[in-house]
Amino acid sequence: MATDILMPALSPTMTEGTLARWLKAEGDKVKSGDVIAEIETDKATMEVEAVDEGILGKIVVPAGTEGVKVNAVIAVLVEPGESAPSGEAKAAPAPAPKPAEKPPEAPKAAEVPKPAAAPAPASHGDRVAASPLAKRMAQQAGLDLSKVEGSGPQGRIVKSDIEAAMKGGAPAPAPAATTAPAAAPAPKAAAAPAPILGATTAHPNSSMRKVIARRLSESKATIPHFYVAADIEIDALLELRAKLNARSPKDGPGAFKLSVNDLVIKAAAVTLKRIPAVNAAWTEEAILRFNEVDISVAVSIPDGLITPIVRNADTKGLAAISNEMKDLGARAKSGKLKPEEFQGGGFSISNMGMYGVSFFSAIINPPQAGILAVGAGQKRPVVKNGELAVAAVMTCQLSVDHRVIDGALAAEWLQEFKAIVEEPLSLML
């Protein structure tokens, strides 16, 4: 029996993606767990694993196709000896037109078809067909997939089924791939866009760039941003960093090379542990405080940015944070991060000091309530004991969601962070 392979949702915000390339060709044997394709999502390039076994009978969406909708059929898997179905999709036959000269008759009660029963989860032997995202969600929630009713094509279990099972309710029916939401009426007097003057070259927006634009616009428009900033002397931090790097082995598993950002991550984590009210998120029902200190760190990649997460950063040593960030950063730039490595987090850090930026305002990464913008360390005149001196100073600005964090709380957090950075030996405790 032919099985449709659908475009998976590889992140919570993904609605469409680019099918970058196929790793299997038509006629190739496929086993469950084989990587069959690479998908460019709104976050990164990710691998797609087969959930069934058989032969790749037909590739419906060729490599390089952009704007492929989630749950669209991208290929068809067949059993040995079975031929691939012709055509890309089976459309429902259009109803025959009724004679114009006779008004339509109401159907008899006995002729009204009964609604079709919800499909049972598609299974192949002892395996239950489910999307990769549904499998991950079920594993994390401890759900038995064989007891979950699937509402996707051919009874396939999808994200909404897992969410319904976790709530104890019936699974929501999967939306039809061909049904589009009703378009909002266009404004009657929409202003014409300003003309673009001069020669231009068009660079089409990638899925990632579209999502970045949408999420940041929503964040700035819907979250009441509030800002506090402080100048922080970092001479002691730089001295500690130099001493620790000097003690590192030249190579081997224990080797490390601390950056200023590594120490900033640790200092922010310790501050969040001491002032947990900032490690929070807003909902209409309650302010949710995160039980763990997971810090998202902004990393620039060719088509935008991504925020890999240092989890439980308050419990990790400086060397561990440094090596973990180097690994996360390298895999972020090559598009090899796993979803759980960049989805979530309770607080963000954006450091532009390496570009010589002295001060900037960062936009909050929802649903988090705070993000720290870190500027470059620069030699500046300061007053010490009533006398003019020179010190290395960096300016940090904290952006907070004012629904969650009031001005006094934001100031308290930044004051504590400043004290830790200026007396960094406490990071060793």
Protein backbone atom coordinates (compact mmCIF):
# COMPACT_ATOMS: atom_id res chain seq x y z
CA MET A 1 0.00 0.00 0.00
CA ALA A 2 1.42 3.38 -1.01
CA THR A 3 2.21 5.76 1.85
CA ASP A 4 2.46 9.53 1.43
CA ILE A 5 5.55 11.23 2.86
CA LEU A 6 4.49 14.65 4.11
CA MET A 7 6.38 17.90 4.64
CA PRO A 8 7.09 17.80 8.40
CA ALA A 9 6.80 20.68 10.86
CA LEU A 10 10.32 20.81 12.26
CA SER A 11 9.81 23.81 14.53
CA PRO A 12 6.79 25.34 16.31
CA THR A 13 6.82 28.40 14.02
CA MET A 14 7.29 26.54 10.73
CA THR A 15 4.44 26.82 8.21
CA GLU A 16 6.48 26.20 5.07
CA GLY A 17 10.05 25.39 4.11
CA THR A 18 12.43 24.68 1.27
CA LEU A 19 13.14 21.12 0.22
CA ALA A 20 16.87 21.58 -0.13
CA ARG A 21 17.84 18.16 -1.48
CA TRP A 22 16.89 14.51 -1.61
CA LEU A 23 19.31 11.98 -0.13
CA LYS A 24 17.38 9.08 -1.65
CA ALA A 25 16.41 8.62 -5.31
CA GLU A 26 13.31 7.07 -6.81
CA GLY A 27 13.63 3.28 -6.59
CA ASP A 28 15.91 3.34 -3.51
CA LYS A 29 15.07 1.13 -0.55
CA VAL A 30 14.17 3.07 2.59
CA LYS A 31 14.22 1.85 6.18
CA SER A 32 12.58 3.51 9.16
CA GLY A 33 15.04 6.04 10.55
CA ASP A 34 16.91 6.58 7.26
CA VAL A 35 17.63 10.22 6.43
CA ILE A 36 15.85 10.80 3.15
CA ALA A 37 15.95 14.59 2.64
CA GLU A 38 17.17 17.92 3.96
CA ILE A 39 14.68 20.69 4.70
CA GLU A 40 15.53 24.37 5.15
CA THR A 41 13.20 25.59 7.91
CA ASP A 42 12.67 28.98 9.50
CA LYS A 43 15.55 28.14 11.87
CA ALA A 44 18.10 25.89 10.17
CA THR A 45 18.71 23.14 7.64
CA MET A 46 17.47 19.91 9.16
CA GLU A 47 17.37 16.24 8.21
CA VAL A 48 14.12 14.36 7.62
CA GLU A 49 13.94 10.72 8.71
CA ALA A 50 11.66 8.09 7.21
CA VAL A 51 8.99 6.77 9.58
CA ASP A 52 8.13 3.73 7.43
CA GLU A 53 10.06 1.30 5.28
CA GLY A 54 9.64 0.45 1.63
CA ILE A 55 10.78 1.84 -1.70
CA LEU A 56 10.81 5.52 -2.65
CA GLY A 57 8.34 5.15 -5.51
CA LYS A 58 7.84 8.77 -6.49
CA ILE A 59 9.34 12.15 -5.61
CA VAL A 60 6.50 14.67 -5.81
CA VAL A 61 8.42 17.80 -4.78
CA PRO A 62 11.81 18.17 -6.49
CA ALA A 63 14.94 19.34 -4.70
CA GLY A 64 15.29 23.11 -4.42
CA THR A 65 11.54 23.79 -4.25
CA GLU A 66 10.73 26.75 -1.99
CA GLY A 67 7.54 27.51 -0.06
CA VAL A 68 6.49 23.88 0.46
CA LYS A 69 3.59 23.93 2.94
CA VAL A 70 3.69 21.79 6.08
CA ASN A 71 1.76 18.50 5.56
CA ALA A 72 1.99 18.76 1.76
CA VAL A 73 2.87 15.44 0.03
CA ILE A 74 6.54 15.51 -0.97
CA ALA A 75 7.03 11.85 -1.96
CA VAL A 76 5.31 8.47 -2.05
CA LEU A 77 6.63 5.30 -0.42
CA VAL A 78 5.57 1.96 -1.94
CA GLU A 79 6.06 -1.69 -1.07
CA PRO A 80 8.32 -3.99 -3.14
CA GLY A 81 6.62 -4.87 -6.41
CA GLU A 82 4.07 -2.07 -6.08
CA SER A 83 3.97 0.66 -8.69
CA ALA A 84 3.91 4.30 -7.68
CA PRO A 85 0.55 6.04 -8.14
CA SER A 86 0.39 8.40 -11.10
CA GLY A 87 -0.18 12.10 -10.48
CA GLU A 88 0.91 14.21 -7.55
CA ALA A 89 -2.36 14.18 -5.64
CA LYS A 90 -5.81 12.72 -5.93
CA ALA A 91 -8.38 15.47 -6.18
CA ALA A 92 -11.96 14.91 -5.07
CA PRO A 93 -14.29 14.66 -8.09
CA ALA A 94 -16.40 17.74 -8.67
CA PRO A 95 -20.13 17.20 -8.12
CA ALA A 96 -22.18 16.79 -11.30
CA PRO A 97 -24.23 19.90 -12.12
CA LYS A 98 -27.95 19.62 -11.48
CA PRO A 99 -30.41 20.23 -14.32
CA ALA A 100 -31.20 23.92 -14.58
CA GLU A 101 -34.89 23.35 -15.29
CA LYS A 102 -35.61 21.43 -12.09
CA PRO A 103 -35.07 22.75 -8.57
CA PRO A 104 -32.83 20.54 -6.44
CA GLU A 105 -34.67 18.04 -4.32
CA ALA A 106 -33.83 17.52 -0.68
CA PRO A 107 -32.23 14.08 -0.14
CA LYS A 108 -34.26 11.48 1.65
CA ALA A 109 -33.35 10.73 5.23
CA ALA A 110 -32.18 7.24 4.32
CA GLU A 111 -29.89 8.63 1.65
CA VAL A 112 -27.96 11.01 3.91
CA PRO A 113 -24.48 9.49 4.29
CA LYS A 114 -23.21 8.91 7.78
CA PRO A 115 -20.07 10.77 8.77
CA ALA A 116 -16.98 8.68 8.28
CA ALA A 117 -15.35 7.38 11.43
CA ALA A 118 -12.06 8.92 12.42
CA PRO A 119 -9.17 6.91 10.97
CA ALA A 120 -7.28 4.62 13.31
CA PRO A 121 -3.57 5.21 13.70
CA ALA A 122 -1.82 3.84 10.64
CA SER A 123 0.43 0.99 11.67
CA HIS A 124 2.93 -1.22 9.91
CA GLY A 125 3.56 -4.28 11.99
CA ASP A 126 4.42 -3.10 15.49
CA ARG A 127 5.10 0.47 14.37
CA VAL A 128 2.65 3.34 14.46
CA ALA A 129 2.88 6.02 11.77
CA ALA A 130 3.55 9.43 13.30
CA SER A 131 5.33 12.58 12.26
CA PRO A 132 8.85 13.11 13.68
CA LEU A 133 7.59 16.07 15.74
CA ALA A 134 4.73 13.96 17.16
CA LYS A 135 7.19 11.21 18.09
CA ARG A 136 9.44 13.64 19.93
CA MET A 137 6.48 15.20 21.77
CA ALA A 138 5.12 11.75 22.73
CA GLN A 139 8.51 10.61 23.99
CA GLN A 140 8.92 13.74 26.11
CA ALA A 141 5.38 13.38 27.50
CA GLY A 142 5.65 9.63 28.11
CA LEU A 143 2.71 8.82 25.80
CA ASP A 144 2.13 5.41 24.19
CA LEU A 145 1.67 6.19 20.49
CA SER A 146 -0.31 2.97 19.95
CA LYS A 147 -3.06 4.43 22.16
CA VAL A 148 -3.23 7.79 20.36
CA GLU A 149 -5.77 8.22 17.57
CA GLY A 150 -4.29 9.84 14.48
CA SER A 151 -6.11 12.52 12.51
CA GLY A 152 -3.55 13.01 9.75
CA PRO A 153 -3.52 11.42 6.29
CA GLN A 154 -4.12 7.65 6.49
CA GLY A 155 -4.44 7.88 10.26
CA ARG A 156 -0.95 9.35 10.74
CA ILE A 157 -0.42 10.85 14.22
CA VAL A 158 0.44 14.56 14.08
CA LYS A 159 1.25 17.31 16.56
CA SER A 160 -2.40 18.20 17.32
CA ASP A 161 -3.14 14.58 18.26
CA ILE A 162 -0.36 14.56 20.84
CA GLU A 163 -1.49 17.90 22.26
CA ALA A 164 -5.05 16.57 22.55
CA ALA A 165 -3.86 13.37 24.22
CA MET A 166 -1.79 15.37 26.73
CA LYS A 167 -4.92 17.40 27.59
CA GLY A 168 -7.04 14.26 27.83
CA GLY A 169 -9.33 15.37 25.00
CA ALA A 170 -10.16 14.16 21.56
CA PRO A 171 -7.59 14.88 18.83
CA ALA A 172 -8.33 17.88 16.69
CA PRO A 173 -8.91 17.04 13.04
CA ALA A 174 -6.00 17.83 10.77
CA PRO A 175 -6.68 20.85 8.54
CA ALA A 176 -7.25 20.03 4.89
CA ALA A 177 -4.22 20.82 2.80
CA THR A 178 -6.32 22.53 0.16
CA THR A 179 -8.38 24.68 2.51
CA ALA A 180 -7.05 28.18 3.01
CA PRO A 181 -8.26 30.53 5.76
CA ALA A 182 -10.64 33.22 4.66
CA ALA A 183 -8.73 36.27 3.60
CA ALA A 184 -9.30 39.44 5.57
CA PRO A 185 -10.89 42.20 3.50
CA ALA A 186 -8.37 44.65 2.13
CA PRO A 187 -8.62 48.18 3.52
CA LYS A 188 -10.58 50.43 1.21
CA ALA A 189 -8.14 53.33 1.33
CA ALA A 190 -4.78 51.60 1.62
CA ALA A 191 -1.93 53.99 1.12
CA ALA A 192 0.28 53.24 -1.85
CA PRO A 193 3.80 52.13 -0.88
CA ALA A 194 6.51 54.70 -1.29
CA PRO A 195 8.24 54.31 -4.64
CA ILE A 196 11.69 52.73 -4.58
CA LEU A 197 14.05 55.04 -6.40
CA GLY A 198 17.24 53.90 -8.06
CA ALA A 199 18.50 50.58 -9.39
CA THR A 200 17.93 47.55 -7.16
CA THR A 201 18.71 43.83 -7.09
CA ALA A 202 16.08 41.53 -5.58
CA HIS A 203 17.19 38.96 -3.01
CA PRO A 204 14.18 36.71 -2.25
CA ASN A 205 13.36 36.34 1.44
CA SER A 206 14.20 32.93 2.87
CA SER A 207 11.87 31.12 5.25
CA MET A 208 14.13 32.13 8.14
CA ARG A 209 14.14 35.81 7.16
CA LYS A 210 10.33 35.83 6.87
CA VAL A 211 9.94 34.31 10.34
CA ILE A 212 12.50 36.68 11.86
CA ALA A 213 10.62 39.65 10.36
CA ARG A 214 7.26 38.39 11.61
CA ARG A 215 8.36 37.45 15.13
CA LEU A 216 10.35 40.62 15.77
CA SER A 217 7.51 42.78 14.44
CA GLU A 218 5.08 40.97 16.74
CA SER A 219 7.47 41.30 19.68
CA LYS A 220 7.98 45.03 19.24
CA ALA A 221 4.28 45.66 18.56
CA THR A 222 2.76 43.52 21.32
CA ILE A 223 5.33 43.48 24.14
CA PRO A 224 5.78 46.69 26.19
CA HIS A 225 9.57 46.99 26.13
CA PHE A 226 11.31 48.70 29.02
CA TYR A 227 15.06 49.38 29.14
CA VAL A 228 17.72 49.85 31.82
CA ALA A 229 21.44 50.27 31.12
CA ALA A 230 24.67 50.37 33.11
CA ASP A 231 28.37 50.95 32.49
CA ILE A 232 30.35 48.05 33.95
CA GLU A 233 34.11 47.98 34.59
CA ILE A 234 35.61 44.73 33.35
CA ASP A 235 39.32 44.99 34.23
CA ALA A 236 38.98 42.33 36.95
CA LEU A 237 36.99 40.10 34.56
CA LEU A 238 39.67 40.40 31.88
CA GLU A 239 42.39 39.62 34.41
CA LEU A 240 40.55 36.51 35.62
CA ARG A 241 40.01 35.39 32.05
CA ALA A 242 43.72 35.75 31.23
CA LYS A 243 44.77 33.77 34.33
CA LEU A 244 42.35 30.94 33.66
CA ASN A 245 43.29 30.69 29.98
CA ALA A 246 46.96 30.52 30.96
CA ARG A 247 46.20 27.45 33.08
CA SER A 248 44.40 25.60 30.29
CA PRO A 249 46.13 22.62 28.68
CA LYS A 250 47.25 23.31 25.13
CA ASP A 251 45.12 20.49 23.74
CA GLY A 252 43.14 17.47 24.81
CA PRO A 253 39.70 17.05 26.40
CA GLY A 254 40.48 19.47 29.25
CA ALA A 255 41.59 22.33 27.00
CA PHE A 256 39.56 25.55 26.86
CA LYS A 257 39.85 29.17 25.82
CA LEU A 258 37.47 31.50 27.61
CA SER A 259 35.92 34.48 25.86
CA VAL A 260 34.40 37.51 27.54
CA ASN A 261 31.01 36.23 26.36
CA ASP A 262 31.51 32.95 28.23
CA LEU A 263 31.98 34.86 31.48
CA VAL A 264 28.98 37.09 30.68
CA ILE A 265 26.80 33.98 30.20
CA LYS A 266 27.91 32.59 33.56
CA ALA A 267 27.43 35.95 35.29
CA ALA A 268 23.91 36.32 33.83
CA ALA A 269 23.05 32.76 34.90
CA VAL A 270 24.19 33.38 38.48
CA THR A 271 22.21 36.64 38.55
CA LEU A 272 19.07 34.86 37.31
CA LYS A 273 19.51 32.25 40.02
CA ARG A 274 19.70 34.98 42.67
CA ILE A 275 16.82 37.00 41.18
CA PRO A 276 14.52 34.34 39.64
CA ALA A 277 11.62 36.75 38.98
CA VAL A 278 13.42 37.88 35.80
CA ASN A 279 13.66 34.28 34.54
CA ALA A 280 10.00 34.30 33.54
CA ALA A 281 7.36 34.51 30.82
CA TRP A 282 3.98 36.24 30.49
CA THR A 283 0.61 34.53 30.01
CA GLU A 284 -2.85 36.02 30.46
CA GLU A 285 -3.52 33.68 33.38
CA ALA A 286 -0.21 33.88 35.25
CA ILE A 287 3.44 34.87 35.16
CA LEU A 288 5.40 31.66 34.64
CA ARG A 289 8.81 31.41 36.30
CA PHE A 290 11.22 28.93 34.75
CA ASN A 291 12.55 26.30 37.15
CA GLU A 292 15.89 26.05 35.33
CA VAL A 293 18.32 28.68 34.11
CA ASP A 294 18.50 28.09 30.34
CA ILE A 295 20.15 30.95 28.46
CA SER A 296 19.64 31.55 24.73
CA VAL A 297 22.68 33.11 23.08
CA ALA A 298 22.28 34.97 19.77
CA VAL A 299 24.55 33.60 17.02
CA SER A 300 24.83 35.26 13.62
CA ILE A 301 24.45 32.91 10.64
CA PRO A 302 24.52 33.70 6.91
CA ASP A 303 20.77 34.29 6.51
CA GLY A 304 19.90 35.73 9.90
CA LEU A 305 20.41 34.66 13.49
CA ILE A 306 19.60 31.74 15.75
CA THR A 307 19.71 31.37 19.53
CA PRO A 308 21.23 28.06 20.70
CA ILE A 309 20.66 27.39 24.39
CA VAL A 310 23.12 26.77 27.22
CA ARG A 311 20.93 24.77 29.56
CA ASN A 312 21.39 24.85 33.34
CA ALA A 313 24.08 27.49 32.84
CA ASP A 314 24.11 28.35 36.54
CA THR A 315 25.38 24.85 37.43
CA LYS A 316 28.12 24.63 34.78
CA GLY A 317 31.74 25.71 35.09
CA LEU A 318 33.30 28.33 32.85
CA ALA A 319 35.27 25.78 30.81
CA ALA A 320 32.14 23.70 30.20
CA ILE A 321 30.17 26.78 29.08
CA SER A 322 33.00 27.87 26.79
CA ASN A 323 33.36 24.50 25.06
CA GLU A 324 29.60 24.07 24.77
CA MET A 325 29.18 27.50 23.17
CA LYS A 326 31.95 26.80 20.65
CA ASP A 327 30.21 23.56 19.65
CA LEU A 328 26.75 25.14 19.48
CA GLY A 329 28.03 28.13 17.53
CA ALA A 330 29.85 25.98 14.97
CA ARG A 331 26.84 23.73 14.40
CA ALA A 332 24.51 26.75 14.25
CA LYS A 333 26.54 28.22 11.39
CA SER A 334 26.49 24.89 9.52
CA GLY A 335 22.75 24.36 10.12
CA LYS A 336 23.25 21.20 12.19
CA LEU A 337 21.52 22.16 15.44
CA LYS A 338 18.83 19.83 16.77
CA PRO A 339 15.43 21.44 17.49
CA GLU A 340 15.80 21.00 21.24
CA GLU A 341 19.09 22.90 21.11
CA PHE A 342 17.48 26.17 19.98
CA GLN A 343 13.83 25.88 21.04
CA GLY A 344 13.00 27.16 24.51
CA GLY A 345 15.22 29.05 26.93
CA GLY A 346 14.16 31.52 29.60
CA PHE A 347 16.48 34.49 28.98
CA SER A 348 18.60 35.75 26.06
CA ILE A 349 21.99 37.39 25.57
CA SER A 350 22.99 39.32 22.46
CA ASN A 351 26.65 40.38 22.37
CA MET A 352 27.86 42.74 19.63
CA GLY A 353 31.06 43.74 21.38
CA MET A 354 33.18 41.80 18.90
CA TYR A 355 31.95 44.22 16.21
CA GLY A 356 33.03 47.28 18.19
CA VAL A 357 29.43 48.25 19.01
CA SER A 358 29.41 50.20 22.27
CA PHE A 359 25.65 50.30 22.92
CA PHE A 360 22.41 48.97 21.42
CA SER A 361 18.86 47.99 22.31
CA ALA A 362 17.85 44.36 21.84
CA ILE A 363 14.33 43.16 20.99
CA ILE A 364 12.85 40.61 23.37
CA ASN A 365 12.71 37.01 22.16
CA PRO A 366 9.15 35.88 23.06
CA PRO A 367 7.91 34.22 25.19
CA GLN A 368 10.92 35.23 27.28
CA ALA A 369 10.69 38.40 29.37
CA GLY A 370 14.28 39.62 29.18
CA ILE A 371 17.30 39.99 26.90
CA LEU A 372 20.70 41.49 27.73
CA ALA A 373 22.47 43.57 25.07
CA VAL A 374 26.25 43.54 25.60
CA GLY A 375 28.53 46.17 24.09
CA ALA A 376 32.28 46.26 23.53
CA GLY A 377 34.76 46.69 26.34
CA GLN A 378 36.51 50.05 25.80
CA LYS A 379 39.07 52.12 27.65
CA ARG A 380 37.20 55.07 29.15
CA PRO A 381 37.90 57.74 31.74
CA VAL A 382 36.41 56.97 35.14
CA VAL A 383 36.54 58.55 38.58
CA LYS A 384 38.03 56.41 41.35
CA ASN A 385 38.46 57.71 44.89
CA GLY A 386 37.85 61.22 43.63
CA GLU A 387 40.56 61.02 40.98
CA LEU A 388 40.44 60.56 37.23
CA ALA A 389 41.55 57.13 36.01
CA VAL A 390 41.23 54.88 32.97
CA ALA A 391 39.34 51.56 33.03
CA ALA A 392 37.96 49.01 30.58
CA VAL A 393 34.21 49.60 30.53
CA MET A 394 31.39 47.87 28.70
CA THR A 395 27.82 49.11 28.50
CA CYS A 396 25.05 46.56 29.00
CA GLN A 397 21.37 47.26 28.43
CA LEU A 398 18.60 45.02 29.73
CA SER A 399 15.36 44.93 27.71
CA VAL A 400 12.41 43.55 29.69
CA ASP A 401 8.73 42.82 29.20
CA HIS A 402 7.07 45.42 31.45
CA ARG A 403 4.09 43.11 31.97
CA VAL A 404 6.41 40.74 33.83
CA ILE A 405 9.25 42.91 35.11
CA ASP A 406 8.83 46.37 36.59
CA GLY A 407 11.52 49.03 36.54
CA ALA A 408 12.73 48.42 40.10
CA LEU A 409 13.12 44.67 39.47
CA ALA A 410 15.00 45.29 36.22
CA ALA A 411 17.30 47.76 37.99
CA GLU A 412 17.90 45.28 40.83
CA TRP A 413 18.85 42.56 38.34
CA LEU A 414 21.27 44.80 36.43
CA GLN A 415 22.81 46.05 39.68
CA GLU A 416 23.46 42.46 40.81
CA PHE A 417 24.88 41.55 37.39
CA LYS A 418 27.21 44.56 37.51
CA ALA A 419 28.44 43.58 40.98
CA ILE A 420 29.22 40.02 39.84
CA VAL A 421 31.09 41.13 36.72
CA GLU A 422 33.15 43.71 38.63
CA GLU A 423 33.98 41.10 41.34
CA PRO A 424 34.20 37.99 39.14
CA LEU A 425 35.86 35.67 41.67
CA SER A 426 32.34 34.82 42.83
CA LEU A 427 31.88 32.98 39.52
CA MET A 428 34.42 30.43 40.72
CA LEU A 429 32.33 29.47 43.77
